[in-house]
Amino acid sequence: MDIKTIRKLNVRLLEREIGSLTALARKVDTSQSYLSQCVGNSAVRSIGDEMARRLEHAMGKPYGWLDEPHTDESDMMLARLIYDRLLTIPPSKLRAIAEILDIKLDEGMAWNVKDANQPQSKGRVITLEDDGNQKKRQRGQ
């Protein structure tokens, strides 16, 4: 894993620790927009050395903390397996998964999730039908 990816993952850990990217940005005296450009889904910037040190200092982490992986290796392996499986899923199911995860795609993306910008009603149920590759589980036994 390269340093840009490690820093991006670690900033996401700091975001979870403090509660939001906005709170993290305030803590390091930068804008939420700047951090989003560094760690968002469509990141156009990377976390430079100066910002890495500012983040570490503001969050009470030791020097160089942002440059070392802090994600459990089993979590990384699970994420890779999920990613590999997602690559084989038909587009209609991918769209449903994106909707479940509340992922909204930018206009420049190849496909759109219908109604992604519409307010979601509570209690809405989205189901993914069995594609025939998995044995059906019996309920109640």
C-alpha atoms as a PDB file:
ATOM      1  CA  MET A   1       0.000   0.000   0.000  1.00  0.00           C
ATOM      2  CA  ASP A   2       1.430   3.412  -0.894  1.00  0.00           C
ATOM      3  CA  ILE A   3       1.756   6.378   1.485  1.00  0.00           C
ATOM      4  CA  LYS A   4      -1.150   8.258  -0.121  1.00  0.00           C
ATOM      5  CA  THR A   5      -3.528   5.353   0.536  1.00  0.00           C
ATOM      6  CA  ILE A   6      -2.228   4.793   4.077  1.00  0.00           C
ATOM      7  CA  ARG A   7      -2.698   8.467   4.939  1.00  0.00           C
ATOM      8  CA  LYS A   8      -6.168   8.516   3.417  1.00  0.00           C
ATOM      9  CA  LEU A   9      -7.240   5.468   5.462  1.00  0.00           C
ATOM     10  CA  ASN A  10      -5.729   6.948   8.619  1.00  0.00           C
ATOM     11  CA  VAL A  11      -7.510  10.268   8.137  1.00  0.00           C
ATOM     12  CA  ARG A  12     -10.743   8.255   7.905  1.00  0.00           C
ATOM     13  CA  LEU A  13      -9.814   6.632  11.250  1.00  0.00           C
ATOM     14  CA  LEU A  14      -9.263  10.092  12.756  1.00  0.00           C
ATOM     15  CA  GLU A  15     -12.595  11.215  11.301  1.00  0.00           C
ATOM     16  CA  ARG A  16     -14.349   8.324  13.060  1.00  0.00           C
ATOM     17  CA  GLU A  17     -12.482   9.082  16.275  1.00  0.00           C
ATOM     18  CA  ILE A  18     -13.548  12.738  16.363  1.00  0.00           C
ATOM     19  CA  GLY A  19     -17.008  12.218  14.845  1.00  0.00           C
ATOM     20  CA  SER A  20     -16.919  13.999  11.496  1.00  0.00           C
ATOM     21  CA  LEU A  21     -14.641  15.346   8.802  1.00  0.00           C
ATOM     22  CA  THR A  22     -15.901  18.845   9.638  1.00  0.00           C
ATOM     23  CA  ALA A  23     -14.822  18.485  13.286  1.00  0.00           C
ATOM     24  CA  LEU A  24     -11.436  17.149  12.189  1.00  0.00           C
ATOM     25  CA  ALA A  25     -10.990  20.065   9.780  1.00  0.00           C
ATOM     26  CA  ARG A  26     -11.813  22.553  12.549  1.00  0.00           C
ATOM     27  CA  LYS A  27      -9.316  20.878  14.844  1.00  0.00           C
ATOM     28  CA  VAL A  28      -6.472  21.371  12.321  1.00  0.00           C
ATOM     29  CA  ASP A  29      -7.698  24.807  11.226  1.00  0.00           C
ATOM     30  CA  THR A  30      -8.479  23.878   7.640  1.00  0.00           C
ATOM     31  CA  SER A  31     -11.691  23.541   5.656  1.00  0.00           C
ATOM     32  CA  GLN A  32     -13.844  20.448   5.458  1.00  0.00           C
ATOM     33  CA  SER A  33     -13.781  20.937   1.690  1.00  0.00           C
ATOM     34  CA  TYR A  34      -9.984  20.633   1.623  1.00  0.00           C
ATOM     35  CA  LEU A  35     -10.016  17.393   3.628  1.00  0.00           C
ATOM     36  CA  SER A  36     -12.801  16.026   1.417  1.00  0.00           C
ATOM     37  CA  GLN A  37     -10.629  16.746  -1.614  1.00  0.00           C
ATOM     38  CA  CYS A  38      -7.901  14.676   0.071  1.00  0.00           C
ATOM     39  CA  VAL A  39      -9.892  11.702   1.341  1.00  0.00           C
ATOM     40  CA  GLY A  40     -13.262  11.764  -0.412  1.00  0.00           C
ATOM     41  CA  ASN A  41     -14.480   9.238  -2.982  1.00  0.00           C
ATOM     42  CA  SER A  42     -13.307  11.534  -5.778  1.00  0.00           C
ATOM     43  CA  ALA A  43     -10.113  12.719  -4.054  1.00  0.00           C
ATOM     44  CA  VAL A  44      -8.145  15.140  -6.206  1.00  0.00           C
ATOM     45  CA  ARG A  45      -5.475  15.943  -3.610  1.00  0.00           C
ATOM     46  CA  SER A  46      -3.339  13.922  -1.292  1.00  0.00           C
ATOM     47  CA  ILE A  47      -2.365  14.534   2.320  1.00  0.00           C
ATOM     48  CA  GLY A  48       1.026  16.237   2.241  1.00  0.00           C
ATOM     49  CA  ASP A  49       3.710  16.031   4.920  1.00  0.00           C
ATOM     50  CA  GLU A  50       2.748  19.341   6.551  1.00  0.00           C
ATOM     51  CA  MET A  51      -0.946  18.438   6.801  1.00  0.00           C
ATOM     52  CA  ALA A  52      -0.066  14.944   8.061  1.00  0.00           C
ATOM     53  CA  ARG A  53       1.957  16.444  10.913  1.00  0.00           C
ATOM     54  CA  ARG A  54      -0.807  18.967  11.719  1.00  0.00           C
ATOM     55  CA  LEU A  55      -3.378  16.170  11.887  1.00  0.00           C
ATOM     56  CA  GLU A  56      -1.137  14.050  14.117  1.00  0.00           C
ATOM     57  CA  HIS A  57      -0.419  16.946  16.467  1.00  0.00           C
ATOM     58  CA  ALA A  58      -4.062  18.062  16.687  1.00  0.00           C
ATOM     59  CA  MET A  59      -5.263  14.534  17.431  1.00  0.00           C
ATOM     60  CA  GLY A  60      -2.503  13.727  19.932  1.00  0.00           C
ATOM     61  CA  LYS A  61      -0.852  11.104  17.752  1.00  0.00           C
ATOM     62  CA  PRO A  62       2.909  10.548  17.658  1.00  0.00           C
ATOM     63  CA  TYR A  63       5.007  11.957  14.825  1.00  0.00           C
ATOM     64  CA  GLY A  64       4.698   9.685  11.771  1.00  0.00           C
ATOM     65  CA  TRP A  65       1.462   8.010  12.966  1.00  0.00           C
ATOM     66  CA  LEU A  66      -0.356   8.978   9.772  1.00  0.00           C
ATOM     67  CA  ASP A  67       2.314   7.245   7.667  1.00  0.00           C
ATOM     68  CA  GLU A  68       1.881   3.797   9.238  1.00  0.00           C
ATOM     69  CA  PRO A  69      -1.078   1.447   8.602  1.00  0.00           C
ATOM     70  CA  HIS A  70      -3.456   1.227  11.566  1.00  0.00           C
ATOM     71  CA  THR A  71      -6.169  -0.870   9.962  1.00  0.00           C
ATOM     72  CA  ASP A  72      -6.370  -4.468  11.110  1.00  0.00           C
ATOM     73  CA  GLU A  73      -5.008  -6.787   8.403  1.00  0.00           C
ATOM     74  CA  SER A  74      -8.075  -9.038   8.678  1.00  0.00           C
ATOM     75  CA  ASP A  75     -10.299  -5.995   7.999  1.00  0.00           C
ATOM     76  CA  MET A  76      -8.222  -5.189   4.931  1.00  0.00           C
ATOM     77  CA  MET A  77      -8.496  -8.800   3.729  1.00  0.00           C
ATOM     78  CA  LEU A  78     -12.274  -8.727   4.251  1.00  0.00           C
ATOM     79  CA  ALA A  79     -12.536  -5.435   2.348  1.00  0.00           C
ATOM     80  CA  ARG A  80     -10.557  -6.912  -0.555  1.00  0.00           C
ATOM     81  CA  LEU A  81     -12.812  -9.990  -0.643  1.00  0.00           C
ATOM     82  CA  ILE A  82     -15.923  -7.808  -0.633  1.00  0.00           C
ATOM     83  CA  TYR A  83     -14.459  -5.663  -3.404  1.00  0.00           C
ATOM     84  CA  ASP A  84     -13.606  -8.724  -5.505  1.00  0.00           C
ATOM     85  CA  ARG A  85     -17.144 -10.074  -5.036  1.00  0.00           C
ATOM     86  CA  LEU A  86     -18.693  -6.714  -5.943  1.00  0.00           C
ATOM     87  CA  LEU A  87     -16.870  -6.797  -9.271  1.00  0.00           C
ATOM     88  CA  THR A  88     -18.902  -9.881 -10.244  1.00  0.00           C
ATOM     89  CA  ILE A  89     -22.329  -8.547  -9.240  1.00  0.00           C
ATOM     90  CA  PRO A  90     -24.762  -7.464 -11.977  1.00  0.00           C
ATOM     91  CA  PRO A  91     -25.189  -3.662 -12.278  1.00  0.00           C
ATOM     92  CA  SER A  92     -28.774  -3.710 -10.999  1.00  0.00           C
ATOM     93  CA  LYS A  93     -27.633  -5.325  -7.743  1.00  0.00           C
ATOM     94  CA  LEU A  94     -24.715  -2.902  -7.465  1.00  0.00           C
ATOM     95  CA  ARG A  95     -27.151  -0.015  -7.695  1.00  0.00           C
ATOM     96  CA  ALA A  96     -29.259  -1.548  -4.922  1.00  0.00           C
ATOM     97  CA  ILE A  97     -26.179  -2.044  -2.733  1.00  0.00           C
ATOM     98  CA  ALA A  98     -25.129   1.566  -3.372  1.00  0.00           C
ATOM     99  CA  GLU A  99     -28.566   2.714  -2.304  1.00  0.00           C
ATOM    100  CA  ILE A 100     -28.461   0.587   0.861  1.00  0.00           C
ATOM    101  CA  LEU A 101     -25.070   2.103   1.716  1.00  0.00           C
ATOM    102  CA  ASP A 102     -26.391   5.586   0.906  1.00  0.00           C
ATOM    103  CA  ILE A 103     -23.747   6.083  -1.783  1.00  0.00           C
ATOM    104  CA  LYS A 104     -24.537   8.923  -4.129  1.00  0.00           C
ATOM    105  CA  LEU A 105     -22.644   9.009  -7.398  1.00  0.00           C
ATOM    106  CA  ASP A 106     -21.349  12.149  -9.079  1.00  0.00           C
ATOM    107  CA  GLU A 107     -22.782  13.240 -12.418  1.00  0.00           C
ATOM    108  CA  GLY A 108     -19.620  12.136 -14.213  1.00  0.00           C
ATOM    109  CA  MET A 109     -20.006   8.517 -13.133  1.00  0.00           C
ATOM    110  CA  ALA A 110     -20.924   5.891 -15.717  1.00  0.00           C
ATOM    111  CA  TRP A 111     -24.280   5.090 -14.070  1.00  0.00           C
ATOM    112  CA  ASN A 112     -26.563   6.689 -11.568  1.00  0.00           C
ATOM    113  CA  VAL A 113     -28.499   5.358  -8.626  1.00  0.00           C
ATOM    114  CA  LYS A 114     -32.095   6.341  -9.288  1.00  0.00           C
ATOM    115  CA  ASP A 115     -33.577   8.552  -6.607  1.00  0.00           C
ATOM    116  CA  ALA A 116     -30.208   8.800  -4.809  1.00  0.00           C
ATOM    117  CA  ASN A 117     -30.842  12.492  -4.203  1.00  0.00           C
ATOM    118  CA  GLN A 118     -34.424  11.938  -3.089  1.00  0.00           C
ATOM    119  CA  PRO A 119     -35.127  11.866   0.644  1.00  0.00           C
ATOM    120  CA  GLN A 120     -35.244   8.271   1.816  1.00  0.00           C
ATOM    121  CA  SER A 121     -38.311   7.252   3.754  1.00  0.00           C
ATOM    122  CA  LYS A 122     -37.769   5.347   6.965  1.00  0.00           C
ATOM    123  CA  GLY A 123     -38.911   1.764   6.891  1.00  0.00           C
ATOM    124  CA  ARG A 124     -38.143   1.341   3.191  1.00  0.00           C
ATOM    125  CA  VAL A 125     -37.038  -2.168   2.365  1.00  0.00           C
ATOM    126  CA  ILE A 126     -34.634  -2.997  -0.441  1.00  0.00           C
ATOM    127  CA  THR A 127     -34.151  -6.648  -1.281  1.00  0.00           C
ATOM    128  CA  LEU A 128     -31.592  -8.340  -3.458  1.00  0.00           C
ATOM    129  CA  GLU A 129     -33.092 -11.327  -5.165  1.00  0.00           C
ATOM    130  CA  ASP A 130     -31.174 -14.586  -5.209  1.00  0.00           C
ATOM    131  CA  ASP A 131     -29.451 -14.948  -8.567  1.00  0.00           C
ATOM    132  CA  GLY A 132     -29.584 -18.741  -8.403  1.00  0.00           C
ATOM    133  CA  ASN A 133     -25.931 -19.160  -7.426  1.00  0.00           C
ATOM    134  CA  GLN A 134     -26.660 -19.589  -3.735  1.00  0.00           C
ATOM    135  CA  LYS A 135     -28.786 -22.264  -2.094  1.00  0.00           C
ATOM    136  CA  LYS A 136     -31.863 -20.803  -0.483  1.00  0.00           C
ATOM    137  CA  ARG A 137     -31.914 -20.897   3.283  1.00  0.00           C
ATOM    138  CA  GLN A 138     -34.994 -22.178   5.025  1.00  0.00           C
ATOM    139  CA  ARG A 139     -36.487 -19.856   7.604  1.00  0.00           C
ATOM    140  CA  GLY A 140     -37.468 -20.795  11.068  1.00  0.00           C
ATOM    141  CA  GLN A 141     -35.417 -23.960  11.407  1.00  0.00           C
END
